[in-house]
Amino acid sequence: MSDTPSVLFVCVHNAGRSQMAAGFLQHLSGGAVEVRSAGSEPADQVNPSAVEAMHEVGIDITAETPKVLTTEAVQASDVVITMGCGDTCPFYPGKRYEDWVLEDPAGKGVEAVRPIRDEIRARVVALIESLDVPVQELTR
């Protein structure tokens, strides 16, 4: 792992779970971690309920757009976190892989997305701690 660890979050549509995780990691690591997200079948836009749920905790992901998963993104990352992308994520020796089993927020209202958001935050905090990076508090 380099001086600045890099993490790639992957889900199918790159519109909910991976976008929320990337938003949390960017903010809670204070920029000390290089953050990427991608999807095996990217959606047209980030899930509006995910955007609203993140806004409630002071993180703005409105400018984010779903991106396609590339081999280069995996190769450039130290840690690859998958969230239901199945076998579509390329595997490279020497990378740290984790599979986070999380409910898909697609098609759900903000009330249903909040518990998913909160579980992602807890997992991101544990990830940051495992990378020996200080966890920053969110400021609203």
C-alpha atoms as a PDB file:
ATOM      1  CA  MET A   1       0.000   0.000   0.000  1.00  0.00           C
ATOM      2  CA  SER A   2       1.267   3.497  -0.842  1.00  0.00           C
ATOM      3  CA  ASP A   3       1.580   6.409   1.591  1.00  0.00           C
ATOM      4  CA  THR A   4      -1.945   7.415   0.612  1.00  0.00           C
ATOM      5  CA  PRO A   5      -4.192   4.360   0.648  1.00  0.00           C
ATOM      6  CA  SER A   6      -6.735   4.084  -2.156  1.00  0.00           C
ATOM      7  CA  VAL A   7     -10.155   2.469  -1.955  1.00  0.00           C
ATOM      8  CA  LEU A   8     -12.572   1.510  -4.728  1.00  0.00           C
ATOM      9  CA  PHE A   9     -16.251   0.945  -3.922  1.00  0.00           C
ATOM     10  CA  VAL A  10     -18.118  -1.162  -6.475  1.00  0.00           C
ATOM     11  CA  CYS A  11     -21.823  -1.902  -6.804  1.00  0.00           C
ATOM     12  CA  VAL A  12     -23.965  -2.705  -9.821  1.00  0.00           C
ATOM     13  CA  HIS A  13     -25.355   0.747 -10.634  1.00  0.00           C
ATOM     14  CA  ASN A  14     -22.861   3.010  -8.795  1.00  0.00           C
ATOM     15  CA  ALA A  15     -25.896   5.061  -7.825  1.00  0.00           C
ATOM     16  CA  GLY A  16     -26.530   4.341  -4.142  1.00  0.00           C
ATOM     17  CA  ARG A  17     -24.401   2.191  -1.844  1.00  0.00           C
ATOM     18  CA  SER A  18     -21.040   2.858  -3.486  1.00  0.00           C
ATOM     19  CA  GLN A  19     -21.755   6.586  -3.824  1.00  0.00           C
ATOM     20  CA  MET A  20     -22.737   6.880  -0.150  1.00  0.00           C
ATOM     21  CA  ALA A  21     -19.656   4.893   0.906  1.00  0.00           C
ATOM     22  CA  ALA A  22     -17.379   7.075  -1.229  1.00  0.00           C
ATOM     23  CA  GLY A  23     -18.946  10.221   0.232  1.00  0.00           C
ATOM     24  CA  PHE A  24     -18.441   8.999   3.782  1.00  0.00           C
ATOM     25  CA  LEU A  25     -14.859   7.885   3.121  1.00  0.00           C
ATOM     26  CA  GLN A  26     -13.909  11.187   1.501  1.00  0.00           C
ATOM     27  CA  HIS A  27     -15.296  13.196   4.423  1.00  0.00           C
ATOM     28  CA  LEU A  28     -14.488  10.940   7.375  1.00  0.00           C
ATOM     29  CA  SER A  29     -10.885  10.390   6.242  1.00  0.00           C
ATOM     30  CA  GLY A  30     -10.341  14.121   5.823  1.00  0.00           C
ATOM     31  CA  GLY A  31      -9.056  13.443   2.311  1.00  0.00           C
ATOM     32  CA  ALA A  32      -6.303  11.142   3.610  1.00  0.00           C
ATOM     33  CA  VAL A  33      -7.604   8.270   1.455  1.00  0.00           C
ATOM     34  CA  GLU A  34      -7.902   8.289  -2.330  1.00  0.00           C
ATOM     35  CA  VAL A  35     -11.526   7.384  -3.062  1.00  0.00           C
ATOM     36  CA  ARG A  36     -13.034   5.823  -6.185  1.00  0.00           C
ATOM     37  CA  SER A  37     -16.432   4.324  -6.951  1.00  0.00           C
ATOM     38  CA  ALA A  38     -17.768   2.500  -9.976  1.00  0.00           C
ATOM     39  CA  GLY A  39     -20.475   0.167 -11.168  1.00  0.00           C
ATOM     40  CA  SER A  40     -20.628  -2.900 -13.365  1.00  0.00           C
ATOM     41  CA  GLU A  41     -23.791  -1.476 -15.014  1.00  0.00           C
ATOM     42  CA  PRO A  42     -23.845   2.246 -14.121  1.00  0.00           C
ATOM     43  CA  ALA A  43     -27.190   4.015 -13.814  1.00  0.00           C
ATOM     44  CA  ASP A  44     -27.986   7.351 -15.463  1.00  0.00           C
ATOM     45  CA  GLN A  45     -27.858   9.257 -12.177  1.00  0.00           C
ATOM     46  CA  VAL A  46     -27.220   8.872  -8.465  1.00  0.00           C
ATOM     47  CA  ASN A  47     -30.302   7.690  -6.551  1.00  0.00           C
ATOM     48  CA  PRO A  48     -32.143  10.839  -5.336  1.00  0.00           C
ATOM     49  CA  SER A  49     -33.013   9.123  -2.024  1.00  0.00           C
ATOM     50  CA  ALA A  50     -29.303   8.410  -1.442  1.00  0.00           C
ATOM     51  CA  VAL A  51     -28.490  12.053  -2.213  1.00  0.00           C
ATOM     52  CA  GLU A  52     -31.152  13.226   0.252  1.00  0.00           C
ATOM     53  CA  ALA A  53     -30.077  10.764   2.970  1.00  0.00           C
ATOM     54  CA  MET A  54     -26.465  11.908   2.684  1.00  0.00           C
ATOM     55  CA  HIS A  55     -27.487  15.568   2.693  1.00  0.00           C
ATOM     56  CA  GLU A  56     -29.194  14.929   6.047  1.00  0.00           C
ATOM     57  CA  VAL A  57     -25.787  14.062   7.559  1.00  0.00           C
ATOM     58  CA  GLY A  58     -23.978  16.975   5.917  1.00  0.00           C
ATOM     59  CA  ILE A  59     -22.462  15.283   2.856  1.00  0.00           C
ATOM     60  CA  ASP A  60     -23.329  16.558  -0.611  1.00  0.00           C
ATOM     61  CA  ILE A  61     -23.082  13.920  -3.347  1.00  0.00           C
ATOM     62  CA  THR A  62     -25.285  15.775  -5.870  1.00  0.00           C
ATOM     63  CA  ALA A  63     -22.364  16.393  -8.237  1.00  0.00           C
ATOM     64  CA  GLU A  64     -21.426  12.699  -8.395  1.00  0.00           C
ATOM     65  CA  THR A  65     -22.198  10.636 -11.472  1.00  0.00           C
ATOM     66  CA  PRO A  66     -22.238   6.859 -11.873  1.00  0.00           C
ATOM     67  CA  LYS A  67     -19.048   5.572 -13.509  1.00  0.00           C
ATOM     68  CA  VAL A  68     -18.287   2.308 -15.256  1.00  0.00           C
ATOM     69  CA  LEU A  69     -15.982  -0.162 -13.527  1.00  0.00           C
ATOM     70  CA  THR A  70     -12.628  -0.402 -15.284  1.00  0.00           C
ATOM     71  CA  THR A  71      -9.681  -2.721 -14.876  1.00  0.00           C
ATOM     72  CA  GLU A  72      -7.524   0.382 -14.358  1.00  0.00           C
ATOM     73  CA  ALA A  73      -9.603   1.504 -11.360  1.00  0.00           C
ATOM     74  CA  VAL A  74      -9.151  -1.893  -9.709  1.00  0.00           C
ATOM     75  CA  GLN A  75      -5.425  -1.970 -10.462  1.00  0.00           C
ATOM     76  CA  ALA A  76      -4.964   1.540  -9.030  1.00  0.00           C
ATOM     77  CA  SER A  77      -6.712   0.692  -5.745  1.00  0.00           C
ATOM     78  CA  ASP A  78      -5.253  -0.887  -2.614  1.00  0.00           C
ATOM     79  CA  VAL A  79      -8.647  -1.937  -1.259  1.00  0.00           C
ATOM     80  CA  VAL A  80     -11.662  -3.010  -3.331  1.00  0.00           C
ATOM     81  CA  ILE A  81     -15.030  -3.061  -1.554  1.00  0.00           C
ATOM     82  CA  THR A  82     -17.773  -4.842  -3.476  1.00  0.00           C
ATOM     83  CA  MET A  83     -21.464  -4.407  -2.726  1.00  0.00           C
ATOM     84  CA  GLY A  84     -23.394  -6.958  -4.704  1.00  0.00           C
ATOM     85  CA  CYS A  85     -21.508  -6.715  -7.999  1.00  0.00           C
ATOM     86  CA  GLY A  86     -21.096 -10.485  -8.119  1.00  0.00           C
ATOM     87  CA  ASP A  87     -18.402 -11.901 -10.360  1.00  0.00           C
ATOM     88  CA  THR A  88     -18.094  -8.795 -12.519  1.00  0.00           C
ATOM     89  CA  CYS A  89     -15.312  -7.304 -10.400  1.00  0.00           C
ATOM     90  CA  PRO A  90     -11.862  -8.245 -11.715  1.00  0.00           C
ATOM     91  CA  PHE A  91      -9.568  -9.917  -9.192  1.00  0.00           C
ATOM     92  CA  TYR A  92      -5.893  -9.016  -8.884  1.00  0.00           C
ATOM     93  CA  PRO A  93      -3.497 -10.664  -6.431  1.00  0.00           C
ATOM     94  CA  GLY A  94      -2.142  -8.340  -3.769  1.00  0.00           C
ATOM     95  CA  LYS A  95      -5.339  -6.315  -3.437  1.00  0.00           C
ATOM     96  CA  ARG A  96      -7.418  -6.352  -0.304  1.00  0.00           C
ATOM     97  CA  TYR A  97     -10.979  -7.335  -1.151  1.00  0.00           C
ATOM     98  CA  GLU A  98     -14.052  -7.064   1.063  1.00  0.00           C
ATOM     99  CA  ASP A  99     -17.639  -7.847   0.167  1.00  0.00           C
ATOM    100  CA  TRP A 100     -20.148  -5.745   2.074  1.00  0.00           C
ATOM    101  CA  VAL A 101     -23.586  -7.341   2.036  1.00  0.00           C
ATOM    102  CA  LEU A 102     -25.947  -4.369   2.122  1.00  0.00           C
ATOM    103  CA  GLU A 103     -29.546  -3.869   1.090  1.00  0.00           C
ATOM    104  CA  ASP A 104     -29.868  -2.141  -2.293  1.00  0.00           C
ATOM    105  CA  PRO A 105     -31.454   1.323  -1.905  1.00  0.00           C
ATOM    106  CA  ALA A 106     -32.674   1.359  -5.537  1.00  0.00           C
ATOM    107  CA  GLY A 107     -36.326   2.347  -5.771  1.00  0.00           C
ATOM    108  CA  LYS A 108     -36.630   3.036  -2.038  1.00  0.00           C
ATOM    109  CA  GLY A 109     -37.638   6.261  -0.331  1.00  0.00           C
ATOM    110  CA  VAL A 110     -35.342   8.159   2.008  1.00  0.00           C
ATOM    111  CA  GLU A 111     -36.914   6.520   5.082  1.00  0.00           C
ATOM    112  CA  ALA A 112     -35.737   3.110   3.841  1.00  0.00           C
ATOM    113  CA  VAL A 113     -32.340   4.453   2.745  1.00  0.00           C
ATOM    114  CA  ARG A 114     -31.427   5.951   6.141  1.00  0.00           C
ATOM    115  CA  PRO A 115     -30.645   2.594   7.850  1.00  0.00           C
ATOM    116  CA  ILE A 116     -28.560   1.532   4.822  1.00  0.00           C
ATOM    117  CA  ARG A 117     -26.708   4.858   4.995  1.00  0.00           C
ATOM    118  CA  ASP A 118     -26.049   4.407   8.711  1.00  0.00           C
ATOM    119  CA  GLU A 119     -24.717   0.865   8.222  1.00  0.00           C
ATOM    120  CA  ILE A 120     -22.425   2.096   5.442  1.00  0.00           C
ATOM    121  CA  ARG A 121     -21.117   4.860   7.725  1.00  0.00           C
ATOM    122  CA  ALA A 122     -20.262   2.334  10.452  1.00  0.00           C
ATOM    123  CA  ARG A 123     -18.454   0.112   7.948  1.00  0.00           C
ATOM    124  CA  VAL A 124     -16.545   3.081   6.502  1.00  0.00           C
ATOM    125  CA  VAL A 125     -15.408   4.131  10.001  1.00  0.00           C
ATOM    126  CA  ALA A 126     -14.087   0.592  10.610  1.00  0.00           C
ATOM    127  CA  LEU A 127     -12.369   0.661   7.197  1.00  0.00           C
ATOM    128  CA  ILE A 128     -10.672   3.988   7.960  1.00  0.00           C
ATOM    129  CA  GLU A 129      -9.463   2.665  11.303  1.00  0.00           C
ATOM    130  CA  SER A 130      -8.081  -0.461   9.584  1.00  0.00           C
ATOM    131  CA  LEU A 131      -6.081   1.806   7.260  1.00  0.00           C
ATOM    132  CA  ASP A 132      -4.515   3.589  10.277  1.00  0.00           C
ATOM    133  CA  VAL A 133      -6.052   6.895   9.228  1.00  0.00           C
ATOM    134  CA  PRO A 134      -7.693   9.168  11.824  1.00  0.00           C
ATOM    135  CA  VAL A 135     -11.490   9.381  11.592  1.00  0.00           C
ATOM    136  CA  GLN A 136     -12.726  12.961  11.188  1.00  0.00           C
ATOM    137  CA  GLU A 137     -16.041  14.106  12.587  1.00  0.00           C
ATOM    138  CA  LEU A 138     -18.661  15.462  10.226  1.00  0.00           C
ATOM    139  CA  THR A 139     -19.393  19.152  10.573  1.00  0.00           C
ATOM    140  CA  ARG A 140     -22.718  20.452   9.352  1.00  0.00           C
END
